Protein backbone atom coordinates (compact mmCIF):
# COMPACT_ATOMS: atom_id res chain seq x y z
CA MET A 1 25.80 105.26 54.17
CA ILE A 2 27.43 108.69 54.19
CA ASN A 3 30.62 109.09 52.18
CA GLN A 4 33.46 111.60 52.00
CA ASP A 5 31.75 113.49 49.16
CA LEU A 6 28.79 114.22 51.43
CA ILE A 7 31.08 115.46 54.18
CA GLU A 8 32.95 117.75 51.78
CA SER A 9 29.72 119.11 50.26
CA GLN A 10 27.63 121.89 51.73
CA LEU A 11 24.88 119.49 52.77
CA LEU A 12 26.13 119.18 56.33
CA ASP A 13 26.50 122.96 56.61
CA HIS A 14 22.99 123.53 55.30
CA ALA A 15 21.61 120.92 57.63
CA LEU A 16 23.40 122.58 60.53
CA ASP A 17 21.91 125.98 59.64
CA ASP A 18 18.44 124.50 59.25
CA ALA A 19 18.74 122.69 62.55
CA ARG A 20 19.82 125.84 64.40
CA GLN A 21 16.97 127.87 62.88
CA ALA A 22 14.53 125.19 63.93
CA GLY A 23 16.09 125.00 67.39
CA GLN A 24 16.75 121.31 66.81
CA PRO A 25 19.95 119.34 67.45
CA LEU A 26 21.81 118.40 64.29
CA VAL A 27 21.52 114.68 64.97
CA ARG A 28 17.74 114.85 65.10
CA HIS A 29 17.55 117.05 61.99
CA LEU A 30 19.71 114.73 59.90
CA LEU A 31 17.88 111.64 61.14
CA ASP A 32 14.41 113.15 60.68
CA HIS A 33 15.23 114.12 57.12
CA ALA A 34 16.84 110.75 56.39
CA LEU A 35 20.12 112.44 55.49
CA ILE A 36 22.31 110.09 57.49
CA PRO A 37 21.94 106.84 59.46
CA PRO A 38 22.49 107.17 63.23
CA ALA A 39 25.60 104.99 63.35
CA GLN A 40 27.40 107.23 60.86
CA LEU A 41 26.72 110.66 62.33
CA ALA A 42 29.54 110.70 64.89
CA HIS A 43 32.06 109.46 62.32
CA ALA A 44 31.03 112.17 59.88
CA ALA A 45 31.02 114.86 62.55
CA ALA A 46 34.43 113.78 63.83
CA SER A 47 35.88 114.35 60.39
CA GLU A 48 33.95 117.56 59.84
CA PHE A 49 34.58 119.25 63.20
CA GLY A 50 37.94 117.73 64.19
CA LEU A 51 36.70 116.29 67.47
CA PRO A 52 37.99 112.98 68.89
CA LEU A 53 35.72 109.97 68.42
CA LEU A 54 35.53 107.64 71.43
CA THR A 55 35.61 103.86 71.20
CA PRO A 56 33.38 101.71 73.45
CA ASP A 57 36.31 101.12 75.82
CA GLU A 58 36.86 104.87 76.12
CA LEU A 59 33.22 105.76 76.78
CA ILE A 60 33.43 105.11 80.53
CA ALA A 61 31.74 107.70 82.75
CA GLN A 62 33.54 108.47 86.00
CA SER A 63 31.32 109.14 88.99
CA ASP A 64 32.86 112.51 89.90
CA ALA A 65 31.76 113.79 86.48
CA ILE A 66 28.32 112.14 86.55
CA GLU A 67 27.45 113.47 89.99
CA ARG A 68 28.07 117.07 88.92
CA VAL A 69 25.19 117.01 86.42
CA ASP A 70 21.48 116.46 87.03
CA PRO A 71 20.40 113.12 85.48
CA GLU A 72 17.50 114.88 83.74
CA VAL A 73 19.96 117.16 81.90
CA ILE A 74 21.95 114.12 80.74
CA ARG A 75 18.84 112.40 79.44
CA GLN A 76 17.23 115.47 77.90
CA HIS A 77 20.31 116.64 76.01
CA HIS A 78 21.71 113.21 75.16
CA ALA A 79 25.11 114.23 76.51
CA LEU A 80 27.16 112.15 78.94
CA PRO A 81 29.78 113.74 81.24
CA ILE A 82 32.60 111.21 81.46
CA ALA A 83 35.53 112.84 83.27
CA ILE A 84 36.94 115.96 84.86
CA GLU A 85 40.36 116.61 83.35
CA GLN A 86 42.58 119.61 84.07
CA GLY A 87 39.64 121.63 85.32
CA HIS A 88 37.46 120.83 82.28
CA LEU A 89 34.35 118.67 82.11
CA LYS A 90 34.74 116.11 79.34
CA VAL A 91 31.34 115.46 77.75
CA ALA A 92 30.51 112.79 75.17
CA ILE A 93 27.95 113.82 72.55
CA ALA A 94 26.76 112.43 69.24
CA ASP A 95 25.76 115.84 67.87
CA PRO A 96 28.45 118.55 67.66
CA ALA A 97 25.71 121.19 67.41
CA ASN A 98 24.30 120.25 70.80
CA VAL A 99 25.19 123.69 72.10
CA ASN A 100 22.25 124.02 74.48
CA GLY A 101 23.15 120.84 76.33
CA LEU A 102 26.80 121.80 76.66
CA ASP A 103 25.85 125.29 77.83
CA GLU A 104 23.52 123.89 80.48
CA MET A 105 26.21 121.56 81.78
CA ARG A 106 28.69 124.44 81.83
CA PHE A 107 26.22 126.54 83.80
CA GLN A 108 25.35 123.71 86.22
CA THR A 109 28.93 122.65 86.98
CA GLY A 110 30.79 125.94 86.59
CA LEU A 111 33.40 124.09 84.53
CA PRO A 112 34.50 124.74 80.94
CA ILE A 113 33.35 121.97 78.62
CA ARG A 114 35.59 119.76 76.51
CA PRO A 115 33.30 117.91 74.03
CA VAL A 116 34.15 114.56 72.49
CA LEU A 117 32.10 112.49 70.06
CA ALA A 118 30.59 109.06 70.49
CA PRO A 119 28.35 106.98 68.18
CA ASP A 120 24.70 107.76 68.82
CA ASP A 121 23.64 104.17 69.51
CA LEU A 122 26.53 103.57 71.93
CA LEU A 123 25.81 106.84 73.74
CA THR A 124 22.15 105.92 74.05
CA GLN A 125 23.09 102.53 75.47
CA ARG A 126 25.47 103.96 78.08
CA ILE A 127 23.05 106.67 79.22
CA ALA A 128 20.23 104.15 79.52
CA ALA A 129 22.45 101.81 81.53
CA LEU A 130 23.30 104.61 83.95
CA LEU A 131 19.92 106.28 84.31
CA GLY A 132 17.32 103.77 83.16
CA PRO A 133 16.68 101.61 86.25
CA VAL A 134 16.67 104.51 88.69
CA GLU A 135 14.51 106.74 86.48
CA HIS A 136 12.02 103.92 85.99
CA ALA A 137 11.70 103.41 89.74
CA LEU A 138 11.40 107.16 90.32
CA GLN A 139 8.70 107.54 87.69
CA GLN A 140 6.70 104.75 89.32
CA ALA A 141 7.15 106.24 92.77
CA SER A 142 6.27 109.75 91.60
CA ALA A 143 3.16 108.52 89.81
CA ALA A 144 2.07 106.67 92.93
CA VAL A 145 2.47 109.80 95.05
CA GLU A 146 0.39 111.86 92.67
CA ALA A 147 -2.32 109.20 92.46
CA ARG A 148 -2.71 108.50 96.17
CA ASP A 149 -3.01 110.64 99.25
CA GLU A 150 -1.27 110.31 102.61
CA ALA A 151 -3.73 107.68 103.85
CA ASP A 152 -2.59 105.06 101.35
CA ASN A 153 -0.54 102.19 102.70
CA GLU A 154 2.29 102.03 100.18
CA GLY A 155 4.71 102.19 103.10
CA THR A 156 3.67 98.69 104.10
CA SER A 157 2.79 97.07 100.75
CA GLU A 158 5.58 95.09 99.17
CA ASP A 159 4.18 95.93 95.72
CA ALA A 160 4.14 99.70 96.21
CA PRO A 161 6.44 101.76 93.94
CA VAL A 162 8.00 103.64 96.86
CA VAL A 163 8.82 100.33 98.53
CA ARG A 164 10.36 99.01 95.33
CA PHE A 165 12.39 102.19 94.95
CA ILE A 166 13.78 101.91 98.50
CA ASN A 167 14.51 98.20 98.03
CA ARG A 168 16.32 99.00 94.79
CA MET A 169 18.48 101.60 96.55
CA LEU A 170 19.34 99.21 99.40
CA GLU A 171 20.15 96.37 97.01
CA ARG A 172 22.27 98.65 94.85
CA ALA A 173 24.16 99.92 97.88
CA MET A 174 24.94 96.35 98.94
CA ALA A 175 25.99 95.37 95.42
CA GLU A 176 28.30 98.40 95.13
CA ASN A 177 29.83 97.90 98.62
CA ALA A 178 28.67 101.31 99.76
CA SER A 179 29.18 102.09 103.44
CA ASP A 180 26.37 104.65 103.85
CA ILE A 181 23.13 105.69 102.12
CA HIS A 182 21.84 109.26 102.50
CA PHE A 183 18.21 110.20 101.84
CA GLU A 184 18.08 114.00 101.95
CA PRO A 185 14.86 116.02 101.50
CA PHE A 186 15.10 119.46 99.89
CA GLU A 187 12.51 121.92 98.64
CA LYS A 188 12.31 120.62 95.06
CA HIS A 189 13.75 117.11 95.26
CA CYS A 190 14.96 114.34 97.53
CA ARG A 191 18.62 113.56 96.97
CA VAL A 192 20.01 110.04 97.34
CA ARG A 193 23.74 109.65 97.85
CA PHE A 194 26.05 106.68 98.51
CA ARG A 195 29.36 106.78 100.34
CA ARG A 196 31.76 104.32 98.77
CA ASP A 197 35.44 104.06 99.64
CA GLY A 198 35.02 107.12 101.86
CA VAL A 199 33.64 109.44 99.15
CA LEU A 200 30.00 110.60 98.86
CA ARG A 201 28.44 110.51 95.38
CA ASP A 202 25.06 111.53 94.02
CA ILE A 203 22.98 108.55 92.90
CA THR A 204 19.69 110.15 91.94
CA HIS A 205 17.20 112.90 92.70
CA ALA A 206 13.70 111.72 93.60
CA PRO A 207 10.61 113.97 93.43
CA ALA A 208 10.19 116.01 96.61
CA GLY A 209 6.70 114.61 97.11
CA ILE A 210 7.89 111.10 97.89
CA ALA A 211 10.38 112.15 100.60
CA PRO A 212 7.82 111.72 103.45
CA ARG A 213 6.93 108.27 102.13
CA ILE A 214 10.60 107.28 101.92
CA SER A 215 11.02 108.41 105.52
CA ALA A 216 7.88 106.57 106.67
CA ARG A 217 8.85 103.33 104.95
CA ILE A 218 12.39 103.26 106.35
CA LYS A 219 11.14 104.14 109.85
CA VAL A 220 8.70 101.24 109.68
CA MET A 221 11.50 98.89 108.61
CA ALA A 222 13.76 100.14 111.43
CA ARG A 223 10.95 100.10 114.03
CA LEU A 224 11.18 103.80 114.73
CA ASP A 225 8.36 106.01 115.97
CA LEU A 226 6.40 107.14 112.89
CA ALA A 227 4.68 109.94 114.79
CA GLU A 228 7.94 111.47 116.05
CA ARG A 229 9.27 113.88 113.42
CA ARG A 230 10.74 116.60 115.65
CA LEU A 231 13.55 114.66 117.32
CA PRO A 232 16.40 112.46 116.00
CA GLN A 233 15.91 108.70 116.24
CA ASP A 234 18.18 105.66 115.87
CA GLY A 235 17.23 102.19 114.77
CA ARG A 236 18.32 99.11 112.90
CA LEU A 237 17.07 96.89 110.08
CA ARG A 238 18.28 93.70 108.40
CA LEU A 239 18.27 92.44 104.79
CA ASN A 240 19.78 89.49 102.93
CA ASN A 241 22.44 90.15 100.28
CA ASP A 242 23.12 88.18 97.10
CA THR A 243 25.38 85.73 98.95
CA GLY A 244 22.63 84.81 101.38
CA HIS A 245 24.24 86.60 104.33
CA ASN A 246 22.39 89.05 106.53
CA VAL A 247 23.37 92.70 106.19
CA ASP A 248 22.39 95.02 109.02
CA PHE A 249 21.71 98.70 108.49
CA ARG A 250 22.10 101.23 111.29
CA VAL A 251 19.43 103.88 110.71
CA SER A 252 19.62 107.49 111.88
CA SER A 253 16.87 110.06 111.31
CA CYS A 254 17.33 113.78 111.82
CA PRO A 255 14.72 116.53 111.32
CA THR A 256 15.73 119.15 108.74
CA LEU A 257 14.07 122.17 107.15
CA PHE A 258 12.25 120.14 104.48
CA GLY A 259 11.72 116.84 106.26
CA GLU A 260 13.63 114.01 107.87
CA LYS A 261 17.11 113.21 106.60
CA LEU A 262 17.92 109.53 106.94
CA VAL A 263 21.36 107.96 106.90
CA LEU A 264 21.72 104.18 106.70
CA ARG A 265 25.10 102.69 107.64
CA LEU A 266 25.72 99.26 106.12
CA LEU A 267 27.12 96.89 108.73
CA ASN A 268 28.25 94.17 106.37
CA PRO A 269 30.24 91.42 108.14
CA ASP A 270 31.84 90.45 104.82
CA THR A 271 33.58 93.83 104.63
CA THR A 272 33.99 94.56 108.36
CA ARG A 273 35.61 91.35 109.56
CA ARG A 274 39.31 91.35 108.72
CA ALA A 275 42.17 89.19 109.89
CA MET A 276 45.04 91.12 111.42
CA ASP A 277 47.31 90.50 108.44
CA GLU A 278 44.64 92.03 106.14
CA LEU A 279 44.66 95.46 107.80
CA GLY A 280 47.56 96.92 105.79
CA LEU A 281 50.08 97.05 108.66
CA ASN A 282 53.69 96.56 107.61
CA ASP A 283 55.66 93.65 109.07
CA GLN A 284 57.12 95.64 111.97
CA GLN A 285 53.76 97.22 112.87
CA LEU A 286 51.92 93.89 112.67
CA LYS A 287 54.52 92.25 114.90
CA ALA A 288 54.10 95.01 117.51
CA TYR A 289 50.29 94.67 117.40
CA ARG A 290 50.42 90.90 117.80
CA ARG A 291 52.87 91.21 120.68
CA ALA A 292 50.64 93.74 122.48
CA ILE A 293 47.46 91.65 122.28
CA THR A 294 49.20 88.61 123.74
CA GLN A 295 50.00 90.49 126.96
CA PRO A 296 47.78 89.64 129.96
CA GLN A 297 47.05 93.31 130.70
CA GLY A 298 47.45 96.82 129.35
CA MET A 299 45.58 99.24 127.12
CA ILE A 300 45.66 99.24 123.33
CA LEU A 301 44.31 102.40 121.68
CA VAL A 302 43.34 102.92 118.04
CA THR A 303 42.98 106.53 116.96
CA GLY A 304 41.81 108.40 113.91
CA PRO A 305 38.85 110.36 112.55
CA THR A 306 35.36 108.94 112.05
CA GLY A 307 35.31 106.40 109.25
CA SER A 308 39.01 105.54 109.41
CA GLY A 309 38.43 101.85 110.20
CA LYS A 310 39.20 101.88 113.92
CA THR A 311 36.46 99.39 114.79
CA VAL A 312 37.64 96.96 112.12
CA THR A 313 41.16 97.09 113.56
CA LEU A 314 39.85 96.36 117.05
CA TYR A 315 37.55 93.58 115.84
CA SER A 316 40.50 91.88 114.14
CA ALA A 317 42.26 91.61 117.50
CA LEU A 318 39.12 90.41 119.30
CA GLN A 319 38.65 87.67 116.71
CA ALA A 320 42.28 86.61 117.13
CA LEU A 321 41.80 86.40 120.91
CA ASN A 322 38.36 84.80 120.81
CA SER A 323 38.54 81.37 122.43
CA ALA A 324 36.75 79.29 125.05
CA SER A 325 39.51 80.11 127.56
CA ARG A 326 38.87 83.89 127.52
CA ASN A 327 35.96 85.98 128.72
CA ILE A 328 35.70 88.87 126.26
CA LEU A 329 33.23 91.71 126.77
CA SER A 330 32.62 94.81 124.66
CA VAL A 331 30.52 97.92 125.13
CA GLU A 332 29.78 99.88 121.96
CA ASP A 333 27.61 102.67 120.60
CA PRO A 334 26.12 100.90 118.76
CA VAL A 335 27.20 97.27 118.33
CA GLU A 336 28.21 97.28 114.66
CA ILE A 337 28.89 93.61 113.95
CA ASP A 338 27.79 90.52 115.82
CA LEU A 339 30.89 88.57 116.90
CA PRO A 340 29.91 85.04 118.04
CA GLY A 341 31.57 84.08 121.31
CA ILE A 342 32.00 87.69 122.47
CA ASN A 343 29.62 89.32 124.95
CA GLN A 344 28.60 92.59 123.30
CA VAL A 345 26.62 95.36 125.01
CA ALA A 346 25.10 98.41 123.32
CA ILE A 347 24.83 101.54 125.45
CA ASN A 348 21.33 102.84 126.08
CA PRO A 349 21.41 106.41 127.45
CA ARG A 350 17.60 106.56 127.76
CA ALA A 351 17.72 103.60 130.13
CA GLY A 352 20.74 105.01 131.95
CA LEU A 353 23.26 102.55 130.52
CA ASP A 354 26.37 104.47 129.48
CA PHE A 355 30.04 103.55 129.03
CA PRO A 356 31.07 104.04 132.69
CA GLN A 357 28.14 102.00 134.03
CA ALA A 358 28.80 99.17 131.56
CA LEU A 359 32.51 99.15 132.47
CA ARG A 360 31.72 98.90 136.17
CA ALA A 361 29.44 95.96 135.46
CA PHE A 362 32.13 94.32 133.31
CA LEU A 363 34.64 94.40 136.16
CA ARG A 364 32.22 92.25 138.19
CA GLN A 365 31.85 89.77 135.29
CA ASP A 366 35.29 88.11 135.60
CA PRO A 367 36.65 89.59 132.33
CA ASP A 368 39.90 88.77 130.58
CA VAL A 369 39.51 91.21 127.67
CA ILE A 370 37.40 94.39 127.58
CA MET A 371 36.65 96.57 124.58
CA VAL A 372 35.30 100.09 125.04
CA GLY A 373 33.92 101.46 121.78
CA GLU A 374 35.25 104.96 122.51
CA ILE A 375 36.74 106.85 125.45
CA ARG A 376 34.69 110.04 125.47
CA ASP A 377 34.95 111.42 128.99
CA ASN A 378 37.05 111.52 132.13
CA GLU A 379 35.04 108.86 133.97
CA THR A 380 35.31 106.32 131.15
CA ALA A 381 39.03 107.03 130.79
CA ASP A 382 39.63 106.59 134.53
CA ILE A 383 37.80 103.25 134.75
CA ALA A 384 39.44 101.90 131.56
CA ILE A 385 42.94 102.88 132.76
CA LYS A 386 42.39 101.23 136.14
CA ALA A 387 41.08 98.08 134.45
CA ALA A 388 44.25 97.94 132.33
CA GLN A 389 46.35 98.19 135.50
CA THR A 390 44.52 95.43 137.35
CA GLY A 391 45.07 92.42 135.14
CA HIS A 392 42.79 93.12 132.15
CA LEU A 393 43.57 93.68 128.49
CA VAL A 394 41.61 96.77 127.40
CA PHE A 395 40.94 97.95 123.84
CA SER A 396 39.47 101.31 122.95
CA THR A 397 39.46 104.20 120.45
CA LEU A 398 40.10 107.92 120.57
CA HIS A 399 39.53 110.69 118.05
CA THR A 400 43.03 112.12 117.59
CA ASN A 401 45.10 112.99 114.52
CA ASN A 402 48.11 110.82 115.37
CA ALA A 403 49.36 108.28 117.87
CA VAL A 404 51.29 110.63 120.15
CA ALA A 405 48.25 112.93 120.38
CA ALA A 406 46.40 110.08 122.14
CA ILE A 407 48.73 110.57 125.12
CA THR A 408 47.89 114.27 125.20
CA ARG A 409 44.17 113.51 124.91
CA LEU A 410 44.25 111.19 127.94
CA ALA A 411 46.17 113.81 129.90
CA ASN A 412 43.49 116.37 129.00
CA MET A 413 40.95 113.95 130.53
CA ASP A 414 42.85 114.32 133.82
CA VAL A 415 44.45 110.88 133.67
CA PRO A 416 47.74 111.18 135.62
CA ALA A 417 50.85 110.94 133.43
CA TRP A 418 52.32 108.06 135.43
CA ASN A 419 49.05 106.10 134.97
CA ILE A 420 49.24 106.62 131.21
CA ALA A 421 52.87 105.48 131.12
CA ALA A 422 52.12 102.40 133.22
CA SER A 423 48.94 101.23 131.47
CA VAL A 424 49.09 102.08 127.75
CA SER A 425 50.90 99.31 125.88
CA LEU A 426 50.34 100.35 122.23
CA VAL A 427 48.79 103.18 120.22
CA ILE A 428 47.81 102.81 116.56
CA ALA A 429 46.79 105.79 114.42
CA GLN A 430 45.29 105.09 111.04
CA ARG A 431 43.59 106.39 107.91
CA LEU A 432 41.85 104.67 105.02
CA VAL A 433 42.78 105.70 101.47
CA ARG A 434 41.30 104.46 98.22
CA ARG A 435 43.25 101.68 96.54
CA LEU A 436 44.28 102.19 92.91
CA CYS A 437 42.67 99.86 90.41
CA PRO A 438 45.44 97.48 89.28
CA LYS A 439 43.86 97.17 85.82
CA CYS A 440 44.06 100.81 84.79
CA ARG A 441 46.52 102.64 87.08
CA ARG A 442 49.15 104.60 85.17
CA LEU A 443 52.78 105.26 86.05
CA THR A 444 53.64 108.94 86.35
CA THR A 445 56.05 111.33 88.04
CA ALA A 446 54.80 113.68 90.74
CA GLU A 447 56.89 115.90 93.03
CA ALA A 448 60.14 114.27 91.86
CA MET A 449 58.78 110.82 92.65
CA SER A 450 57.73 107.92 90.47
CA CYS A 451 54.25 106.76 91.41
CA PHE A 452 50.93 105.67 89.95
CA GLU A 453 47.86 107.78 89.26
CA ALA A 454 44.18 106.94 88.83
CA VAL A 455 42.78 106.52 85.32
CA GLY A 456 39.40 104.81 85.45
CA CYS A 457 37.95 101.80 83.66
CA SER A 458 34.86 99.60 83.65
CA ALA A 459 36.22 97.57 86.59
CA CYS A 460 36.54 100.47 89.05
CA ILE A 461 35.20 103.85 90.11
CA ASP A 462 37.36 106.82 89.12
CA GLY A 463 40.42 104.58 88.99
CA TYR A 464 40.00 103.17 92.52
CA ASP A 465 38.72 99.87 93.85
CA GLY A 466 38.42 99.39 97.61
CA ARG A 467 40.54 100.96 100.34
CA VAL A 468 43.82 100.26 102.11
CA GLY A 469 44.96 101.26 105.59
CA ILE A 470 47.77 103.70 106.37
CA HIS A 471 49.06 103.28 109.93
CA GLU A 472 51.51 104.49 112.51
CA VAL A 473 52.20 102.36 115.57
CA LEU A 474 53.69 103.98 118.68
CA PRO A 475 55.94 101.51 120.55
CA MET A 476 55.98 101.85 124.34
CA THR A 477 59.70 101.54 124.97
CA SER A 478 61.21 102.38 128.32
CA ASP A 479 62.39 105.75 126.97
CA VAL A 480 58.91 106.59 125.67
CA ARG A 481 57.29 105.60 128.97
CA ASP A 482 59.78 107.70 130.88
CA LEU A 483 59.04 110.75 128.72
CA ILE A 484 55.29 110.26 129.12
CA ALA A 485 55.64 110.01 132.90
CA ARG A 486 57.69 113.23 132.90
CA GLN A 487 55.02 114.95 130.74
CA ALA A 488 57.47 115.60 127.92
CA SER A 489 56.38 117.36 124.74
CA PRO A 490 54.84 115.39 121.85
CA GLU A 491 57.91 116.25 119.77
CA ALA A 492 60.22 114.67 122.35
CA ILE A 493 58.08 111.53 122.55
CA THR A 494 58.01 111.25 118.75
CA ALA A 495 61.80 111.62 118.54
CA ALA A 496 62.30 108.85 121.12
CA ALA A 497 59.87 106.59 119.27
CA GLU A 498 61.68 107.16 115.96
CA THR A 499 64.89 105.78 117.45
CA ALA A 500 62.94 102.56 118.11
CA GLY A 501 61.74 102.32 114.51
CA PHE A 502 58.54 104.36 114.71
CA CYS A 503 57.05 104.88 111.21
CA SER A 504 54.82 107.96 110.97
CA LEU A 505 51.60 108.21 108.97
CA GLN A 506 53.43 110.28 106.37
CA ALA A 507 56.21 107.69 106.03
CA SER A 508 53.65 104.88 105.75
CA ALA A 509 51.77 106.90 103.14
CA ILE A 510 54.91 107.37 101.04
CA ALA A 511 55.59 103.63 101.24
CA ALA A 512 52.05 102.91 100.02
CA LEU A 513 52.50 105.44 97.22
CA GLN A 514 55.78 103.91 96.05
CA ALA A 515 54.26 100.43 96.20
CA GLY A 516 51.51 101.56 93.83
CA HIS A 517 48.69 101.01 96.33
CA THR A 518 47.31 104.56 96.07
CA SER A 519 47.88 107.93 94.40
CA LEU A 520 49.43 111.18 95.55
CA SER A 521 46.16 113.07 95.09
CA GLU A 522 44.33 110.55 97.28
CA LEU A 523 46.94 110.86 100.04
CA LYS A 524 46.63 114.63 99.94
CA ARG A 525 42.86 114.33 100.19
CA VAL A 526 42.93 112.05 103.22
CA ILE A 527 46.14 112.88 105.09
CA GLY A 528 46.49 116.43 103.80
CA TRP A 529 50.23 116.96 103.92
């Protein structure tokens, strides 16, 4: 075991010089020459070079740091990026002379490097845990591609390495509660990314040669046309998760320069079905939503960008209304989650079934409640508005930035102002922000406000775990309806709504921040004020 005398002697300096001359990392030089046991190197180097030595609890790699560096660089240089702090990439190493590895990470990320030390055996364990399973699957898949030509049937054999690699990615996505999987072919590699809690992250880079086989296998699973590689296609596949429930994947293929990019959306009922009191609405907003869905007629709109949870909000209301005494019909593109007891229709443009045609058919089906997945055009808007005025409760979504903008959007679709005022009963605008991990969040002060910030621990990703909704609910008071009918400005409508207790997205965001649900940086990322 190394002692203080060895550290204070010139042995370490000589070893460092010898290692540099040989182009060999110091850790390998000392180990090869039996000068120091592996477990002691980091402790000795910490004392010698004045670098902090991480404990096992501190050696937690955050995904935003990991995804900036190629996994092969991490493995080759035995250096683990663990965080991005104040514009620096924090990298854990066991060898302080690992200059080449740090330089390559600096070049690859464009960030200055802040090295920290970790025991060699612990660093090896953490790197293997992060990269081992994926690299093993990739090596098998790559070897299979090199050994077999295009005629081989690994796309249909359950024992084929490519099949195992795809299954591993799907299972990992389900286990990590990812919402989307991206398989992206490029010239020299095929990138795999997961979207979790609204943020895309690199998972691995597969050899470019297996990209066509990945595409072929997924297209077989989703029953897409294998021969069609020039046009986009949409399909669906189903797997069982660890709990024994079926998880559907919506599959989209799109031809790109180097092959077909595939995106798989996980339609997991365990994460998509929410009760109304689980949406994140405050008491006043939830009361307004419940009151609106109990009315016999009217239109309820949910607005926000793609991926903001609009469908989940609508499904929560449909589930609350679902009973044997109501005839509920929905038309969607596509049907995301099967809701027993509700008649769900997926549009099929190739067969001529679009939103307007489905709505016309619904009105002849004795409906009580109708859901339109999205109002995209004037014809759909006109039919939905008329349905809401003739004794039906209508739910739908719009892509607008806030609740008042939904009124403007309908007007731009040539819906008369008095029709909007008479039929729309509630508008909800929403966003989804990442929820701070309660185990590691840290109290701080930002912009003269006490709030919590993300830290990161073994129980979360980058200090966040799951997402929470931020909402604004526009009440349709008599003053608001009157202003809409008179085509008043959005500012005037907002002012009238505020007198009735309207809480804007920004105000809801501040409330969530002060309650410790999310961080200021996350709100800026999503809401952008």
